[in-house]
Amino acid sequence: MSDEEEDYMSDKFLAGLQDVRPSLVHSRGTKRQIEVESKKEELKKRQRETASSGNVDNVRLQQSLNKPISADNKGFQLLAKMGYKAGSGLGKTSDARTEPVRITIKTGRGGLGRETAVAELTLKRQELRRAHLLSKVGIESGEEVTTEAYRRRATHKAEERKLQYDIKRCQQTCESLDLKSAIAEPDLDFFWPPKQKDENETQSDADDPEVEEPSKEELYSPSEQLELLTGYLRTAYCFCYWCGTNYEDAEDLGSNCPGLTRDDH
């Protein structure tokens, strides 16, 4: 045997082999794990076979129920002797049942009431989702909703979000231009973005329970705030928010800017 060939009796050759048969595993933990995995595989196989056989049995059952009982059937012959006729109701009254009770073979391992519980859970989730969507557009869950009302309120909400966005951008622009012009304080409180209070101011406000007077910002609606902001920027700096342009003078602004509102642009 040459030096290049490995000796099949050496430890090096045997170390490269891996046999996972339970009878050859010396570790009790590894052996237990192998047994558990094999039992799981057997259980899954039996469940698949049971499910497939259950589906087949249900199909055969429904096919059998759809076929009428033949005249040579012993049960049919006994009923015929007692006055039963094919197609008539089974019983004393004329409106008795003419079809057998429908049955279905249960193949799953869930409880008898599980399907009903799952259906109720699905319906509840749909109701909660609907109420959540309606609350987003300001509609109460108990309120009667029409398609037109939903669209109108959704449009109103979208316009409010757009209005708040425009106000925020105008405030940032106004603050930037005022600071460049060495203006330390805004003419109106809402002309600049609101400043966050530090911890000392928050604590002093909590210690002083006096009723605060409403700020000037609260006296104007969002649309009025936006109108005042855009008007101030045009008058003070010849800046049109809708154009996004800082014009040279009032004459340049009046001749090149389409108008005062978004719709004009």
C-alpha atoms as a PDB file:
ATOM      1  CA  MET A   1       0.000   0.000   0.000  1.00  0.00           C
ATOM      2  CA  SER A   2       1.415   3.406  -0.998  1.00  0.00           C
ATOM      3  CA  ASP A   3       1.866   6.297   1.411  1.00  0.00           C
ATOM      4  CA  GLU A   4      -0.767   8.369  -0.426  1.00  0.00           C
ATOM      5  CA  GLU A   5      -3.591   5.897   0.286  1.00  0.00           C
ATOM      6  CA  GLU A   6      -5.244   6.080   3.706  1.00  0.00           C
ATOM      7  CA  ASP A   7      -5.325   3.056   5.915  1.00  0.00           C
ATOM      8  CA  TYR A   8      -8.993   2.095   6.399  1.00  0.00           C
ATOM      9  CA  MET A   9      -8.098   0.628   9.788  1.00  0.00           C
ATOM     10  CA  SER A  10      -6.549   3.822  11.103  1.00  0.00           C
ATOM     11  CA  ASP A  11      -8.267   6.225  13.522  1.00  0.00           C
ATOM     12  CA  LYS A  12      -8.028   9.006  10.948  1.00  0.00           C
ATOM     13  CA  PHE A  13     -10.179   7.041   8.502  1.00  0.00           C
ATOM     14  CA  LEU A  14     -12.763   6.119  11.126  1.00  0.00           C
ATOM     15  CA  ALA A  15     -12.987   9.690  12.437  1.00  0.00           C
ATOM     16  CA  GLY A  16     -14.275  10.895   9.062  1.00  0.00           C
ATOM     17  CA  LEU A  17     -17.257   8.544   9.236  1.00  0.00           C
ATOM     18  CA  GLN A  18     -20.452   9.508  11.026  1.00  0.00           C
ATOM     19  CA  ASP A  19     -23.067   6.927  11.876  1.00  0.00           C
ATOM     20  CA  VAL A  20     -26.205   8.237  13.569  1.00  0.00           C
ATOM     21  CA  ARG A  21     -27.957   4.906  14.112  1.00  0.00           C
ATOM     22  CA  PRO A  22     -29.379   4.880  17.662  1.00  0.00           C
ATOM     23  CA  SER A  23     -27.761   1.530  18.412  1.00  0.00           C
ATOM     24  CA  LEU A  24     -24.300   2.957  17.699  1.00  0.00           C
ATOM     25  CA  VAL A  25     -24.738   6.233  19.604  1.00  0.00           C
ATOM     26  CA  HIS A  26     -23.136   6.118  23.017  1.00  0.00           C
ATOM     27  CA  SER A  27     -24.341   9.518  24.274  1.00  0.00           C
ATOM     28  CA  ARG A  28     -27.729   9.202  26.000  1.00  0.00           C
ATOM     29  CA  GLY A  29     -28.695  12.793  25.108  1.00  0.00           C
ATOM     30  CA  THR A  30     -27.951  12.329  21.404  1.00  0.00           C
ATOM     31  CA  LYS A  31     -29.734   8.976  21.360  1.00  0.00           C
ATOM     32  CA  ARG A  32     -32.798  10.510  22.996  1.00  0.00           C
ATOM     33  CA  GLN A  33     -32.823  13.357  20.460  1.00  0.00           C
ATOM     34  CA  ILE A  34     -32.678  10.927  17.537  1.00  0.00           C
ATOM     35  CA  GLU A  35     -35.589   8.924  18.952  1.00  0.00           C
ATOM     36  CA  VAL A  36     -37.697  12.058  19.432  1.00  0.00           C
ATOM     37  CA  GLU A  37     -37.047  13.223  15.867  1.00  0.00           C
ATOM     38  CA  SER A  38     -37.991   9.835  14.435  1.00  0.00           C
ATOM     39  CA  LYS A  39     -41.243   9.804  16.441  1.00  0.00           C
ATOM     40  CA  LYS A  40     -42.091  13.268  15.179  1.00  0.00           C
ATOM     41  CA  GLU A  41     -41.600  12.164  11.589  1.00  0.00           C
ATOM     42  CA  GLU A  42     -43.824   9.123  12.130  1.00  0.00           C
ATOM     43  CA  LEU A  43     -46.544  11.308  13.697  1.00  0.00           C
ATOM     44  CA  LYS A  44     -46.468  13.755  10.786  1.00  0.00           C
ATOM     45  CA  LYS A  45     -46.717  10.868   8.328  1.00  0.00           C
ATOM     46  CA  ARG A  46     -49.755   9.412  10.134  1.00  0.00           C
ATOM     47  CA  GLN A  47     -51.452  12.821  10.238  1.00  0.00           C
ATOM     48  CA  ARG A  48     -50.976  13.284   6.484  1.00  0.00           C
ATOM     49  CA  GLU A  49     -52.383   9.833   5.801  1.00  0.00           C
ATOM     50  CA  THR A  50     -55.371  10.477   8.112  1.00  0.00           C
ATOM     51  CA  ALA A  51     -56.144  13.833   6.468  1.00  0.00           C
ATOM     52  CA  SER A  52     -56.013  12.380   2.952  1.00  0.00           C
ATOM     53  CA  SER A  53     -58.152   9.375   3.910  1.00  0.00           C
ATOM     54  CA  GLY A  54     -60.652  11.675   5.658  1.00  0.00           C
ATOM     55  CA  ASN A  55     -61.065  13.781   2.536  1.00  0.00           C
ATOM     56  CA  VAL A  56     -61.661  10.667   0.446  1.00  0.00           C
ATOM     57  CA  ASP A  57     -64.233   9.358   2.948  1.00  0.00           C
ATOM     58  CA  ASN A  58     -66.084  12.679   2.903  1.00  0.00           C
ATOM     59  CA  VAL A  59     -66.256  12.648  -0.889  1.00  0.00           C
ATOM     60  CA  ARG A  60     -67.593   9.082  -0.900  1.00  0.00           C
ATOM     61  CA  LEU A  61     -70.102   9.955   1.815  1.00  0.00           C
ATOM     62  CA  GLN A  62     -71.496  12.927  -0.092  1.00  0.00           C
ATOM     63  CA  GLN A  63     -71.730  10.869  -3.273  1.00  0.00           C
ATOM     64  CA  SER A  64     -73.649   8.159  -1.419  1.00  0.00           C
ATOM     65  CA  LEU A  65     -76.057  10.679   0.133  1.00  0.00           C
ATOM     66  CA  ASN A  66     -76.815  12.170  -3.276  1.00  0.00           C
ATOM     67  CA  LYS A  67     -77.949   8.798  -4.633  1.00  0.00           C
ATOM     68  CA  PRO A  68     -81.530   7.694  -3.852  1.00  0.00           C
ATOM     69  CA  ILE A  69     -82.081   4.343  -2.133  1.00  0.00           C
ATOM     70  CA  SER A  70     -82.681   1.625  -4.685  1.00  0.00           C
ATOM     71  CA  ALA A  71     -85.914  -0.388  -4.698  1.00  0.00           C
ATOM     72  CA  ASP A  72     -84.124  -3.660  -3.867  1.00  0.00           C
ATOM     73  CA  ASN A  73     -82.793  -2.159  -0.610  1.00  0.00           C
ATOM     74  CA  LYS A  74     -84.145  -3.987   2.448  1.00  0.00           C
ATOM     75  CA  GLY A  75     -84.828  -0.772   4.314  1.00  0.00           C
ATOM     76  CA  PHE A  76     -86.702   0.689   1.333  1.00  0.00           C
ATOM     77  CA  GLN A  77     -88.809  -2.483   1.021  1.00  0.00           C
ATOM     78  CA  LEU A  78     -89.780  -2.294   4.700  1.00  0.00           C
ATOM     79  CA  LEU A  79     -90.800   1.362   4.332  1.00  0.00           C
ATOM     80  CA  ALA A  80     -92.805   0.531   1.187  1.00  0.00           C
ATOM     81  CA  LYS A  81     -94.773  -2.108   3.101  1.00  0.00           C
ATOM     82  CA  MET A  82     -95.736   0.595   5.617  1.00  0.00           C
ATOM     83  CA  GLY A  83     -97.026   2.883   2.850  1.00  0.00           C
ATOM     84  CA  TYR A  84     -93.917   4.922   2.009  1.00  0.00           C
ATOM     85  CA  LYS A  85     -93.592   6.190  -1.572  1.00  0.00           C
ATOM     86  CA  ALA A  86     -90.357   7.396  -3.185  1.00  0.00           C
ATOM     87  CA  GLY A  87     -90.041  11.190  -3.047  1.00  0.00           C
ATOM     88  CA  SER A  88     -92.599  11.691  -0.251  1.00  0.00           C
ATOM     89  CA  GLY A  89     -91.858  12.881   3.260  1.00  0.00           C
ATOM     90  CA  LEU A  90     -90.799  10.397   5.896  1.00  0.00           C
ATOM     91  CA  GLY A  91     -93.386  10.656   8.681  1.00  0.00           C
ATOM     92  CA  LYS A  92     -97.057  11.282   9.387  1.00  0.00           C
ATOM     93  CA  THR A  93     -97.158  14.911   8.180  1.00  0.00           C
ATOM     94  CA  SER A  94     -96.934  15.887   4.521  1.00  0.00           C
ATOM     95  CA  ASP A  95     -94.177  18.426   5.099  1.00  0.00           C
ATOM     96  CA  ALA A  96     -91.802  15.901   6.679  1.00  0.00           C
ATOM     97  CA  ARG A  97     -88.163  15.616   5.671  1.00  0.00           C
ATOM     98  CA  THR A  98     -87.577  14.212   2.176  1.00  0.00           C
ATOM     99  CA  GLU A  99     -83.761  14.301   2.230  1.00  0.00           C
ATOM    100  CA  PRO A 100     -81.409  12.622   4.712  1.00  0.00           C
ATOM    101  CA  VAL A 101     -79.563  14.705   7.277  1.00  0.00           C
ATOM    102  CA  ARG A 102     -76.257  15.934   5.848  1.00  0.00           C
ATOM    103  CA  ILE A 103     -73.219  14.802   7.794  1.00  0.00           C
ATOM    104  CA  THR A 104     -69.487  15.393   7.392  1.00  0.00           C
ATOM    105  CA  ILE A 105     -66.698  13.254   8.778  1.00  0.00           C
ATOM    106  CA  LYS A 106     -64.457  15.267  11.076  1.00  0.00           C
ATOM    107  CA  THR A 107     -60.796  14.792  10.190  1.00  0.00           C
ATOM    108  CA  GLY A 108     -59.033  17.477  12.252  1.00  0.00           C
ATOM    109  CA  ARG A 109     -57.977  17.313  15.881  1.00  0.00           C
ATOM    110  CA  GLY A 110     -59.665  20.585  16.885  1.00  0.00           C
ATOM    111  CA  GLY A 111     -62.623  20.691  19.270  1.00  0.00           C
ATOM    112  CA  LEU A 112     -66.199  20.571  18.036  1.00  0.00           C
ATOM    113  CA  GLY A 113     -66.689  24.304  18.572  1.00  0.00           C
ATOM    114  CA  ARG A 114     -63.355  25.421  17.133  1.00  0.00           C
ATOM    115  CA  GLU A 115     -64.641  26.271  13.641  1.00  0.00           C
ATOM    116  CA  THR A 116     -67.397  28.447  15.111  1.00  0.00           C
ATOM    117  CA  ALA A 117     -64.909  30.156  17.425  1.00  0.00           C
ATOM    118  CA  VAL A 118     -62.513  30.845  14.545  1.00  0.00           C
ATOM    119  CA  ALA A 119     -65.368  32.282  12.443  1.00  0.00           C
ATOM    120  CA  GLU A 120     -66.444  34.560  15.315  1.00  0.00           C
ATOM    121  CA  LEU A 121     -62.839  35.666  15.846  1.00  0.00           C
ATOM    122  CA  THR A 122     -62.464  36.521  12.162  1.00  0.00           C
ATOM    123  CA  LEU A 123     -65.705  38.529  12.221  1.00  0.00           C
ATOM    124  CA  LYS A 124     -64.574  40.385  15.358  1.00  0.00           C
ATOM    125  CA  ARG A 125     -61.230  41.257  13.761  1.00  0.00           C
ATOM    126  CA  GLN A 126     -63.031  42.630  10.699  1.00  0.00           C
ATOM    127  CA  GLU A 127     -65.271  44.787  12.901  1.00  0.00           C
ATOM    128  CA  LEU A 128     -62.289  46.132  14.860  1.00  0.00           C
ATOM    129  CA  ARG A 129     -60.413  46.913  11.649  1.00  0.00           C
ATOM    130  CA  ARG A 130     -63.446  48.706  10.236  1.00  0.00           C
ATOM    131  CA  ALA A 131     -63.824  50.765  13.438  1.00  0.00           C
ATOM    132  CA  HIS A 132     -60.102  51.619  13.333  1.00  0.00           C
ATOM    133  CA  LEU A 133     -60.336  52.805   9.720  1.00  0.00           C
ATOM    134  CA  LEU A 134     -63.437  54.876  10.488  1.00  0.00           C
ATOM    135  CA  SER A 135     -61.770  56.487  13.504  1.00  0.00           C
ATOM    136  CA  LYS A 136     -58.920  57.628  11.260  1.00  0.00           C
ATOM    137  CA  VAL A 137     -61.350  59.752   9.261  1.00  0.00           C
ATOM    138  CA  GLY A 138     -63.320  60.938  12.312  1.00  0.00           C
ATOM    139  CA  ILE A 139     -66.368  58.653  12.063  1.00  0.00           C
ATOM    140  CA  GLU A 140     -67.771  56.921  15.117  1.00  0.00           C
ATOM    141  CA  SER A 141     -68.168  53.145  14.877  1.00  0.00           C
ATOM    142  CA  GLY A 142     -71.903  53.292  15.662  1.00  0.00           C
ATOM    143  CA  GLU A 143     -72.600  56.038  13.152  1.00  0.00           C
ATOM    144  CA  GLU A 144     -74.232  55.133   9.864  1.00  0.00           C
ATOM    145  CA  VAL A 145     -71.661  55.433   7.111  1.00  0.00           C
ATOM    146  CA  THR A 146     -72.187  56.009   3.420  1.00  0.00           C
ATOM    147  CA  THR A 147     -69.586  55.922   0.709  1.00  0.00           C
ATOM    148  CA  GLU A 148     -70.016  59.616   0.019  1.00  0.00           C
ATOM    149  CA  ALA A 149     -69.651  60.554   3.708  1.00  0.00           C
ATOM    150  CA  TYR A 150     -66.531  58.393   4.061  1.00  0.00           C
ATOM    151  CA  ARG A 151     -64.904  59.967   1.009  1.00  0.00           C
ATOM    152  CA  ARG A 152     -65.819  63.463   2.175  1.00  0.00           C
ATOM    153  CA  ARG A 153     -64.307  62.960   5.607  1.00  0.00           C
ATOM    154  CA  ALA A 154     -61.216  61.245   4.234  1.00  0.00           C
ATOM    155  CA  THR A 155     -60.706  64.196   1.878  1.00  0.00           C
ATOM    156  CA  HIS A 156     -61.147  66.617   4.779  1.00  0.00           C
ATOM    157  CA  LYS A 157     -58.540  64.762   6.853  1.00  0.00           C
ATOM    158  CA  ALA A 158     -56.082  64.789   3.959  1.00  0.00           C
ATOM    159  CA  GLU A 159     -56.578  68.524   3.491  1.00  0.00           C
ATOM    160  CA  GLU A 160     -55.951  69.118   7.204  1.00  0.00           C
ATOM    161  CA  ARG A 161     -52.682  67.160   7.056  1.00  0.00           C
ATOM    162  CA  LYS A 162     -51.599  69.100   3.983  1.00  0.00           C
ATOM    163  CA  LEU A 163     -52.492  72.377   5.703  1.00  0.00           C
ATOM    164  CA  GLN A 164     -50.409  71.532   8.780  1.00  0.00           C
ATOM    165  CA  TYR A 165     -47.479  70.602   6.531  1.00  0.00           C
ATOM    166  CA  ASP A 166     -47.676  73.956   4.701  1.00  0.00           C
ATOM    167  CA  ILE A 167     -47.853  75.850   7.996  1.00  0.00           C
ATOM    168  CA  LYS A 168     -44.767  74.064   9.306  1.00  0.00           C
ATOM    169  CA  ARG A 169     -42.783  74.831   6.135  1.00  0.00           C
ATOM    170  CA  CYS A 170     -43.876  78.491   6.201  1.00  0.00           C
ATOM    171  CA  GLN A 171     -42.842  78.798   9.857  1.00  0.00           C
ATOM    172  CA  GLN A 172     -39.374  77.439   9.085  1.00  0.00           C
ATOM    173  CA  THR A 173     -38.988  79.813   6.137  1.00  0.00           C
ATOM    174  CA  CYS A 174     -40.208  82.789   8.153  1.00  0.00           C
ATOM    175  CA  GLU A 175     -37.818  82.057  11.014  1.00  0.00           C
ATOM    176  CA  SER A 176     -34.878  81.689   8.651  1.00  0.00           C
ATOM    177  CA  LEU A 177     -35.580  84.989   6.863  1.00  0.00           C
ATOM    178  CA  ASP A 178     -36.252  86.861  10.118  1.00  0.00           C
ATOM    179  CA  LEU A 179     -32.980  85.672  11.659  1.00  0.00           C
ATOM    180  CA  LYS A 180     -31.083  86.771   8.540  1.00  0.00           C
ATOM    181  CA  SER A 181     -32.647  90.203   9.001  1.00  0.00           C
ATOM    182  CA  ALA A 182     -31.535  90.299  12.684  1.00  0.00           C
ATOM    183  CA  ILE A 183     -35.097  89.928  14.009  1.00  0.00           C
ATOM    184  CA  ALA A 184     -34.953  88.225  17.399  1.00  0.00           C
ATOM    185  CA  GLU A 185     -38.668  87.651  17.996  1.00  0.00           C
ATOM    186  CA  PRO A 186     -41.519  86.845  15.588  1.00  0.00           C
ATOM    187  CA  ASP A 187     -44.342  89.341  15.083  1.00  0.00           C
ATOM    188  CA  LEU A 188     -46.846  86.632  16.001  1.00  0.00           C
ATOM    189  CA  ASP A 189     -46.128  83.512  18.053  1.00  0.00           C
ATOM    190  CA  PHE A 190     -47.116  81.103  15.275  1.00  0.00           C
ATOM    191  CA  PHE A 191     -44.869  82.780  12.682  1.00  0.00           C
ATOM    192  CA  TRP A 192     -41.978  80.652  13.939  1.00  0.00           C
ATOM    193  CA  PRO A 193     -41.959  76.927  14.783  1.00  0.00           C
ATOM    194  CA  PRO A 194     -43.011  76.267  18.396  1.00  0.00           C
ATOM    195  CA  LYS A 195     -40.094  75.978  20.796  1.00  0.00           C
ATOM    196  CA  GLN A 196     -39.885  73.035  23.173  1.00  0.00           C
ATOM    197  CA  LYS A 197     -39.925  73.992  26.842  1.00  0.00           C
ATOM    198  CA  ASP A 198     -37.015  72.864  28.967  1.00  0.00           C
ATOM    199  CA  GLU A 199     -37.460  71.016  32.252  1.00  0.00           C
ATOM    200  CA  ASN A 200     -37.180  74.199  34.401  1.00  0.00           C
ATOM    201  CA  GLU A 201     -39.962  75.958  32.516  1.00  0.00           C
ATOM    202  CA  THR A 202     -42.158  72.869  32.669  1.00  0.00           C
ATOM    203  CA  GLN A 203     -41.630  72.586  36.437  1.00  0.00           C
ATOM    204  CA  SER A 204     -42.377  76.278  36.983  1.00  0.00           C
ATOM    205  CA  ASP A 205     -45.603  75.971  34.970  1.00  0.00           C
ATOM    206  CA  ALA A 206     -46.639  73.035  37.121  1.00  0.00           C
ATOM    207  CA  ASP A 207     -45.899  74.977  40.333  1.00  0.00           C
ATOM    208  CA  ASP A 208     -47.873  78.007  39.122  1.00  0.00           C
ATOM    209  CA  PRO A 209     -51.497  76.890  38.697  1.00  0.00           C
ATOM    210  CA  GLU A 210     -52.704  80.226  37.306  1.00  0.00           C
ATOM    211  CA  VAL A 211     -54.966  80.013  34.247  1.00  0.00           C
ATOM    212  CA  GLU A 212     -53.056  80.993  31.125  1.00  0.00           C
ATOM    213  CA  GLU A 213     -54.613  83.293  28.598  1.00  0.00           C
ATOM    214  CA  PRO A 214     -55.091  81.810  25.119  1.00  0.00           C
ATOM    215  CA  SER A 215     -52.218  82.624  22.798  1.00  0.00           C
ATOM    216  CA  LYS A 216     -52.708  84.481  19.536  1.00  0.00           C
ATOM    217  CA  GLU A 217     -52.104  81.211  17.735  1.00  0.00           C
ATOM    218  CA  GLU A 218     -55.269  79.766  19.238  1.00  0.00           C
ATOM    219  CA  LEU A 219     -57.330  82.710  17.989  1.00  0.00           C
ATOM    220  CA  TYR A 220     -56.775  81.794  14.343  1.00  0.00           C
ATOM    221  CA  SER A 221     -57.759  78.692  12.441  1.00  0.00           C
ATOM    222  CA  PRO A 222     -55.047  76.771  10.550  1.00  0.00           C
ATOM    223  CA  SER A 223     -56.187  78.201   7.213  1.00  0.00           C
ATOM    224  CA  GLU A 224     -56.062  81.745   8.639  1.00  0.00           C
ATOM    225  CA  GLN A 225     -52.586  81.110  10.067  1.00  0.00           C
ATOM    226  CA  LEU A 226     -51.351  79.967   6.665  1.00  0.00           C
ATOM    227  CA  GLU A 227     -52.891  83.003   5.003  1.00  0.00           C
ATOM    228  CA  LEU A 228     -51.207  85.383   7.471  1.00  0.00           C
ATOM    229  CA  LEU A 229     -47.861  83.595   7.116  1.00  0.00           C
ATOM    230  CA  THR A 230     -47.818  83.656   3.316  1.00  0.00           C
ATOM    231  CA  GLY A 231     -48.959  87.296   3.325  1.00  0.00           C
ATOM    232  CA  TYR A 232     -46.193  88.280   5.735  1.00  0.00           C
ATOM    233  CA  LEU A 233     -43.532  86.525   3.637  1.00  0.00           C
ATOM    234  CA  ARG A 234     -44.749  88.281   0.464  1.00  0.00           C
ATOM    235  CA  THR A 235     -44.913  91.718   2.082  1.00  0.00           C
ATOM    236  CA  ALA A 236     -41.736  91.604   4.184  1.00  0.00           C
ATOM    237  CA  TYR A 237     -39.385  89.609   1.923  1.00  0.00           C
ATOM    238  CA  CYS A 238     -41.078  89.394  -1.519  1.00  0.00           C
ATOM    239  CA  PHE A 239     -41.074  85.625  -1.014  1.00  0.00           C
ATOM    240  CA  CYS A 240     -43.856  83.443  -2.429  1.00  0.00           C
ATOM    241  CA  TYR A 241     -44.217  80.159  -0.586  1.00  0.00           C
ATOM    242  CA  TRP A 242     -46.220  78.560  -3.392  1.00  0.00           C
ATOM    243  CA  CYS A 243     -43.635  79.504  -6.025  1.00  0.00           C
ATOM    244  CA  GLY A 244     -40.727  78.774  -3.688  1.00  0.00           C
ATOM    245  CA  THR A 245     -39.010  81.881  -5.047  1.00  0.00           C
ATOM    246  CA  ASN A 246     -37.571  84.998  -3.396  1.00  0.00           C
ATOM    247  CA  TYR A 247     -38.283  87.784  -5.888  1.00  0.00           C
ATOM    248  CA  GLU A 248     -36.138  90.902  -6.247  1.00  0.00           C
ATOM    249  CA  ASP A 249     -38.856  93.449  -5.407  1.00  0.00           C
ATOM    250  CA  ALA A 250     -42.614  93.937  -5.212  1.00  0.00           C
ATOM    251  CA  GLU A 251     -42.878  94.695  -8.923  1.00  0.00           C
ATOM    252  CA  ASP A 252     -41.062  91.481  -9.832  1.00  0.00           C
ATOM    253  CA  LEU A 253     -43.323  89.573  -7.442  1.00  0.00           C
ATOM    254  CA  GLY A 254     -46.511  91.070  -8.865  1.00  0.00           C
ATOM    255  CA  SER A 255     -45.573  90.437 -12.496  1.00  0.00           C
ATOM    256  CA  ASN A 256     -44.206  86.884 -12.195  1.00  0.00           C
ATOM    257  CA  CYS A 257     -46.187  85.306  -9.335  1.00  0.00           C
ATOM    258  CA  PRO A 258     -49.526  83.779 -10.453  1.00  0.00           C
ATOM    259  CA  GLY A 259     -51.407  84.622  -7.245  1.00  0.00           C
ATOM    260  CA  LEU A 260     -51.812  84.429  -3.489  1.00  0.00           C
ATOM    261  CA  THR A 261     -53.102  80.864  -3.024  1.00  0.00           C
ATOM    262  CA  ARG A 262     -52.220  77.288  -3.955  1.00  0.00           C
ATOM    263  CA  ASP A 263     -55.057  77.123  -6.479  1.00  0.00           C
ATOM    264  CA  ASP A 264     -53.629  80.122  -8.351  1.00  0.00           C
ATOM    265  CA  HIS A 265     -50.430  78.184  -8.869  1.00  0.00           C
END
